[in-house]
């Protein structure tokens, strides 16, 4: 379960892209799963995570010029319900 964080400051979230392996990607995967994805939470931005990010970005119309990169706008949309 994801719990709300008081005063969530999205400036502290890094941009993420295919091939990254970071603890922050596990957070990303949990958030994507809360929107219906069925990702293994392993902290690796692989093909399945990239597919889920692109689907999310397309669905919420937040594709940037480098589709698949998790930027501040994507983080804002992913965290709007926490």
N, C-alpha and C. Protein backbone atom coordinates (compact mmCIF):
# COMPACT_ATOMS: atom_id res chain seq x y z
N UNK A 1 0.84 -1.18 0.00
CA UNK A 1 0.00 0.00 0.00
C UNK A 1 0.89 1.24 0.00
N UNK A 2 0.45 2.27 -0.68
CA UNK A 2 1.19 3.53 -0.75
C UNK A 2 0.51 4.52 0.18
N UNK A 3 1.29 5.17 1.01
CA UNK A 3 0.74 6.13 1.95
C UNK A 3 1.09 7.55 1.53
N UNK A 4 0.21 8.46 1.83
CA UNK A 4 0.43 9.86 1.49
C UNK A 4 1.64 10.40 2.25
N UNK A 5 2.38 11.22 1.57
CA UNK A 5 3.54 11.85 2.17
C UNK A 5 3.24 13.34 2.31
N UNK A 6 3.27 13.88 3.52
CA UNK A 6 2.99 15.30 3.68
C UNK A 6 3.99 16.14 2.89
N UNK A 7 3.49 17.18 2.27
CA UNK A 7 4.34 18.13 1.54
C UNK A 7 5.25 17.43 0.53
N UNK A 8 4.66 16.56 -0.28
CA UNK A 8 5.42 15.85 -1.30
C UNK A 8 6.09 16.85 -2.23
N UNK A 9 7.39 16.83 -2.29
CA UNK A 9 8.15 17.76 -3.11
C UNK A 9 8.70 17.01 -4.31
N UNK A 10 8.06 17.20 -5.46
CA UNK A 10 8.43 16.45 -6.66
C UNK A 10 9.78 16.86 -7.22
N UNK A 11 10.33 17.96 -6.76
CA UNK A 11 11.66 18.35 -7.24
C UNK A 11 12.72 17.36 -6.78
N UNK A 12 12.40 16.56 -5.77
CA UNK A 12 13.35 15.58 -5.26
C UNK A 12 13.33 14.28 -6.05
N UNK A 13 12.39 14.12 -6.96
CA UNK A 13 12.32 12.91 -7.76
C UNK A 13 13.14 13.08 -9.02
N UNK A 14 13.94 12.08 -9.28
CA UNK A 14 14.83 12.13 -10.43
C UNK A 14 14.09 11.73 -11.70
N UNK A 15 14.60 12.18 -12.82
CA UNK A 15 14.09 11.72 -14.11
C UNK A 15 14.55 10.28 -14.28
N UNK A 16 13.66 9.44 -14.77
CA UNK A 16 13.97 8.03 -14.94
C UNK A 16 13.78 7.64 -16.40
N UNK A 17 14.61 6.69 -16.85
CA UNK A 17 14.49 6.24 -18.23
C UNK A 17 14.92 4.78 -18.34
N UNK A 18 14.61 4.20 -19.49
CA UNK A 18 14.90 2.80 -19.76
C UNK A 18 16.36 2.48 -19.44
N UNK A 19 16.55 1.37 -18.74
CA UNK A 19 17.89 0.92 -18.39
C UNK A 19 18.34 1.31 -17.00
N UNK A 20 17.65 2.28 -16.38
CA UNK A 20 18.02 2.69 -15.03
C UNK A 20 17.71 1.57 -14.03
N UNK A 21 18.49 1.50 -12.97
CA UNK A 21 18.26 0.54 -11.89
C UNK A 21 18.48 1.30 -10.58
N UNK A 22 17.37 1.72 -9.97
CA UNK A 22 17.42 2.58 -8.79
C UNK A 22 16.26 2.23 -7.85
N UNK A 23 16.41 2.50 -6.56
CA UNK A 23 15.29 2.30 -5.64
C UNK A 23 14.06 3.14 -6.04
N UNK A 24 14.27 4.29 -6.64
CA UNK A 24 13.17 5.15 -7.05
C UNK A 24 12.30 4.46 -8.10
N UNK A 25 12.89 3.57 -8.88
CA UNK A 25 12.10 2.86 -9.89
C UNK A 25 11.13 1.89 -9.22
N UNK A 26 11.50 1.34 -8.08
CA UNK A 26 10.56 0.51 -7.34
C UNK A 26 9.33 1.33 -6.93
N UNK A 27 9.54 2.57 -6.53
CA UNK A 27 8.42 3.46 -6.20
C UNK A 27 7.57 3.69 -7.45
N UNK A 28 8.24 3.98 -8.57
CA UNK A 28 7.54 4.15 -9.84
C UNK A 28 6.70 2.92 -10.17
N UNK A 29 7.28 1.74 -10.02
CA UNK A 29 6.57 0.51 -10.34
C UNK A 29 5.36 0.31 -9.42
N UNK A 30 5.49 0.62 -8.15
CA UNK A 30 4.36 0.52 -7.23
C UNK A 30 3.25 1.49 -7.62
N UNK A 31 3.64 2.70 -8.01
CA UNK A 31 2.64 3.68 -8.43
C UNK A 31 1.94 3.22 -9.71
N UNK A 32 2.71 2.73 -10.67
CA UNK A 32 2.09 2.23 -11.91
C UNK A 32 1.16 1.06 -11.62
N UNK A 33 1.54 0.20 -10.69
CA UNK A 33 0.67 -0.91 -10.30
C UNK A 33 -0.62 -0.42 -9.68
N UNK A 34 -0.57 0.71 -8.97
CA UNK A 34 -1.78 1.26 -8.37
C UNK A 34 -2.75 1.77 -9.44
N UNK A 35 -2.25 1.97 -10.67
CA UNK A 35 -3.08 2.38 -11.80
C UNK A 35 -3.44 1.19 -12.68
N UNK A 36 -3.13 -0.03 -12.23
CA UNK A 36 -3.56 -1.20 -12.97
C UNK A 36 -2.47 -2.02 -13.63
N UNK A 37 -1.25 -1.54 -13.65
CA UNK A 37 -0.15 -2.34 -14.21
C UNK A 37 0.10 -3.53 -13.30
N UNK A 38 0.76 -4.50 -13.82
CA UNK A 38 1.08 -5.70 -13.03
C UNK A 38 2.59 -5.95 -13.12
N UNK A 39 3.35 -4.96 -12.68
CA UNK A 39 4.80 -5.02 -12.77
C UNK A 39 5.42 -5.72 -11.58
N UNK A 40 6.50 -6.40 -11.83
CA UNK A 40 7.33 -6.92 -10.75
C UNK A 40 8.09 -5.71 -10.17
N UNK A 41 8.02 -5.53 -8.88
CA UNK A 41 8.68 -4.38 -8.24
C UNK A 41 10.11 -4.80 -7.93
N UNK A 42 11.01 -4.47 -8.86
CA UNK A 42 12.40 -4.89 -8.74
C UNK A 42 13.40 -3.75 -8.86
N UNK A 43 12.90 -2.52 -9.11
CA UNK A 43 13.80 -1.38 -9.20
C UNK A 43 14.55 -1.25 -10.51
N UNK A 44 14.16 -2.06 -11.51
CA UNK A 44 14.83 -1.99 -12.81
C UNK A 44 13.85 -1.49 -13.85
N UNK A 45 14.26 -0.48 -14.61
CA UNK A 45 13.43 0.10 -15.66
C UNK A 45 13.71 -0.68 -16.95
N UNK A 46 13.01 -1.80 -17.06
CA UNK A 46 13.16 -2.65 -18.22
C UNK A 46 12.01 -2.46 -19.20
N UNK A 47 11.87 -3.42 -20.09
CA UNK A 47 10.88 -3.32 -21.17
C UNK A 47 9.45 -3.24 -20.64
N UNK A 48 9.11 -4.03 -19.62
CA UNK A 48 7.74 -4.02 -19.10
C UNK A 48 7.42 -2.71 -18.39
N UNK A 49 8.40 -2.18 -17.65
CA UNK A 49 8.19 -0.88 -17.01
C UNK A 49 8.06 0.21 -18.06
N UNK A 50 8.90 0.16 -19.09
CA UNK A 50 8.83 1.15 -20.17
C UNK A 50 7.46 1.11 -20.84
N UNK A 51 6.95 -0.09 -21.09
CA UNK A 51 5.64 -0.24 -21.71
C UNK A 51 4.56 0.36 -20.82
N UNK A 52 4.64 0.11 -19.52
CA UNK A 52 3.65 0.65 -18.57
C UNK A 52 3.74 2.18 -18.50
N UNK A 53 4.96 2.72 -18.52
CA UNK A 53 5.13 4.18 -18.49
C UNK A 53 4.54 4.80 -19.75
N UNK A 54 4.86 4.24 -20.90
CA UNK A 54 4.33 4.78 -22.16
C UNK A 54 2.81 4.71 -22.21
N UNK A 55 2.24 3.61 -21.72
CA UNK A 55 0.78 3.49 -21.67
C UNK A 55 0.20 4.57 -20.75
N UNK A 56 0.79 4.72 -19.56
CA UNK A 56 0.32 5.73 -18.61
C UNK A 56 0.42 7.13 -19.23
N UNK A 57 1.58 7.44 -19.82
CA UNK A 57 1.77 8.76 -20.41
C UNK A 57 0.79 9.01 -21.55
N UNK A 58 0.53 8.00 -22.36
CA UNK A 58 -0.42 8.15 -23.46
C UNK A 58 -1.84 8.34 -22.91
N UNK A 59 -2.20 7.52 -21.93
CA UNK A 59 -3.54 7.60 -21.35
C UNK A 59 -3.81 8.96 -20.71
N UNK A 60 -2.81 9.50 -20.03
CA UNK A 60 -2.97 10.79 -19.35
C UNK A 60 -2.43 11.96 -20.17
N UNK A 61 -2.10 11.69 -21.41
CA UNK A 61 -1.65 12.71 -22.36
C UNK A 61 -0.48 13.54 -21.83
N UNK A 62 0.49 12.83 -21.26
CA UNK A 62 1.65 13.56 -20.72
C UNK A 62 2.95 13.07 -21.39
N UNK A 63 2.83 12.60 -22.63
CA UNK A 63 4.04 12.16 -23.34
C UNK A 63 4.89 13.39 -23.63
N UNK A 64 6.14 13.32 -23.23
CA UNK A 64 7.07 14.40 -23.52
C UNK A 64 7.77 14.09 -24.84
N UNK A 65 8.67 14.94 -25.25
CA UNK A 65 9.37 14.73 -26.52
C UNK A 65 10.20 13.45 -26.51
N UNK A 66 10.54 12.97 -25.34
CA UNK A 66 11.29 11.73 -25.18
C UNK A 66 10.41 10.73 -24.47
N UNK A 67 9.31 10.34 -25.10
CA UNK A 67 8.34 9.44 -24.50
C UNK A 67 9.02 8.29 -23.76
N UNK A 68 8.51 7.99 -22.59
CA UNK A 68 9.08 6.94 -21.77
C UNK A 68 9.96 7.45 -20.66
N UNK A 69 10.40 8.69 -20.75
CA UNK A 69 11.17 9.28 -19.66
C UNK A 69 10.18 9.78 -18.61
N UNK A 70 10.41 9.37 -17.38
CA UNK A 70 9.54 9.81 -16.28
C UNK A 70 10.06 11.16 -15.81
N UNK A 71 9.30 12.20 -16.13
CA UNK A 71 9.70 13.56 -15.78
C UNK A 71 8.78 14.09 -14.69
N UNK A 72 8.92 15.36 -14.36
CA UNK A 72 8.15 15.95 -13.27
C UNK A 72 6.64 15.86 -13.54
N UNK A 73 6.22 16.08 -14.78
CA UNK A 73 4.79 16.02 -15.10
C UNK A 73 4.25 14.61 -14.87
N UNK A 74 5.02 13.61 -15.27
CA UNK A 74 4.60 12.23 -15.06
C UNK A 74 4.50 11.92 -13.57
N UNK A 75 5.51 12.35 -12.79
CA UNK A 75 5.47 12.14 -11.34
C UNK A 75 4.23 12.80 -10.74
N UNK A 76 3.91 14.01 -11.19
CA UNK A 76 2.76 14.72 -10.63
C UNK A 76 1.48 13.95 -10.88
N UNK A 77 1.32 13.42 -12.09
CA UNK A 77 0.12 12.65 -12.40
C UNK A 77 0.08 11.33 -11.65
N UNK A 78 1.23 10.66 -11.54
CA UNK A 78 1.28 9.39 -10.82
C UNK A 78 0.94 9.52 -9.34
N UNK A 79 1.30 10.65 -8.77
CA UNK A 79 1.13 10.83 -7.32
C UNK A 79 -0.10 11.66 -6.95
N UNK A 80 -0.94 11.98 -7.91
CA UNK A 80 -2.08 12.85 -7.61
C UNK A 80 -3.08 12.21 -6.66
N UNK A 81 -3.09 10.91 -6.55
CA UNK A 81 -4.08 10.26 -5.68
C UNK A 81 -3.52 9.84 -4.31
N UNK A 82 -2.28 10.21 -4.01
CA UNK A 82 -1.75 9.85 -2.69
C UNK A 82 -1.70 11.05 -1.79
